[in-house]
């Protein structure tokens, strides 16, 4: 097992201290949870954008709702069929 794999195993085992390391596992567990939450949020935004487009909402309105330009929204979320 590599050092990174060992570290992940210890984090997943819910150990509070990483022996031989200069840090606690708690911040790394929080980081993994935040990354999982971000992926879930990105999936939810993608689904909402798809639903908006299917109901006729413009890229300008979608971009405004998610805080980007219409071009950025279209570039990121337009289907590439």
Protein backbone atom coordinates (compact mmCIF):
# COMPACT_ATOMS: atom_id res chain seq x y z
CA UNK A 1 0.00 0.00 0.00
CA UNK A 2 1.40 3.42 -0.89
CA UNK A 3 1.61 6.23 1.62
CA UNK A 4 -1.39 7.96 0.01
CA UNK A 5 -3.44 4.76 0.06
CA UNK A 6 -2.48 4.21 3.70
CA UNK A 7 -3.51 7.77 4.55
CA UNK A 8 -6.89 7.32 2.82
CA UNK A 9 -7.45 4.02 4.61
CA UNK A 10 -6.79 5.69 7.96
CA UNK A 11 -9.13 8.56 7.12
CA UNK A 12 -11.86 6.14 6.09
CA UNK A 13 -11.27 4.14 9.28
CA UNK A 14 -12.10 7.35 11.14
CA UNK A 15 -8.81 7.56 13.02
CA UNK A 16 -8.46 10.91 14.73
CA UNK A 17 -4.72 11.15 14.45
CA UNK A 18 -2.54 10.08 11.56
CA UNK A 19 0.43 8.39 13.17
CA UNK A 20 3.72 9.40 11.64
CA UNK A 21 2.12 12.47 10.07
CA UNK A 22 2.04 16.09 11.17
CA UNK A 23 -1.73 16.43 11.02
CA UNK A 24 -5.08 15.19 12.21
CA UNK A 25 -7.37 13.18 9.92
CA UNK A 26 -10.38 15.38 10.75
CA UNK A 27 -9.57 18.17 8.23
CA UNK A 28 -8.95 15.59 5.52
CA UNK A 29 -12.30 13.90 6.26
CA UNK A 30 -13.95 17.32 6.06
CA UNK A 31 -12.23 17.97 2.73
CA UNK A 32 -13.42 14.65 1.29
CA UNK A 33 -16.97 15.39 2.44
CA UNK A 34 -16.85 18.89 0.95
CA UNK A 35 -15.59 17.50 -2.36
CA UNK A 36 -18.45 14.97 -2.39
CA UNK A 37 -20.93 17.76 -1.64
CA UNK A 38 -19.46 19.85 -4.48
CA UNK A 39 -19.90 16.95 -6.94
CA UNK A 40 -23.50 16.51 -5.81
CA UNK A 41 -24.16 20.25 -6.17
CA UNK A 42 -22.61 20.29 -9.64
CA UNK A 43 -24.85 17.37 -10.63
CA UNK A 44 -27.90 19.24 -9.30
CA UNK A 45 -26.98 22.40 -11.23
CA UNK A 46 -26.50 20.39 -14.42
CA UNK A 47 -29.91 18.77 -13.99
CA UNK A 48 -31.54 22.14 -13.30
CA UNK A 49 -29.90 23.70 -16.37
CA UNK A 50 -31.10 20.81 -18.53
CA UNK A 51 -34.64 21.21 -17.18
CA UNK A 52 -34.50 24.97 -17.78
CA UNK A 53 -33.34 24.52 -21.38
CA UNK A 54 -36.03 21.90 -22.02
CA UNK A 55 -38.64 24.40 -20.85
CA UNK A 56 -37.28 27.13 -23.13
CA UNK A 57 -35.21 29.26 -20.77
CA UNK A 58 -32.51 31.27 -22.56
CA UNK A 59 -28.78 30.89 -21.96
CA UNK A 60 -28.75 34.52 -20.79
CA UNK A 61 -31.29 33.77 -18.06
CA UNK A 62 -29.53 30.56 -17.06
CA UNK A 63 -26.18 32.33 -16.93
CA UNK A 64 -27.66 35.08 -14.79
CA UNK A 65 -29.17 32.53 -12.39
CA UNK A 66 -25.84 30.76 -11.86
CA UNK A 67 -23.68 33.88 -11.88
CA UNK A 68 -21.91 33.53 -15.24
CA UNK A 69 -22.28 34.99 -18.72
CA UNK A 70 -24.64 33.40 -21.23
CA UNK A 71 -21.61 32.30 -23.21
CA UNK A 72 -20.03 30.60 -20.20
CA UNK A 73 -23.30 28.85 -19.35
CA UNK A 74 -23.76 27.60 -22.89
CA UNK A 75 -20.15 26.49 -23.18
CA UNK A 76 -20.32 24.51 -19.96
CA UNK A 77 -23.81 23.04 -20.15
CA UNK A 78 -24.81 22.80 -23.82
CA UNK A 79 -25.34 19.22 -24.88
CA UNK A 80 -22.78 17.88 -27.29
CA UNK A 81 -24.98 15.36 -29.13
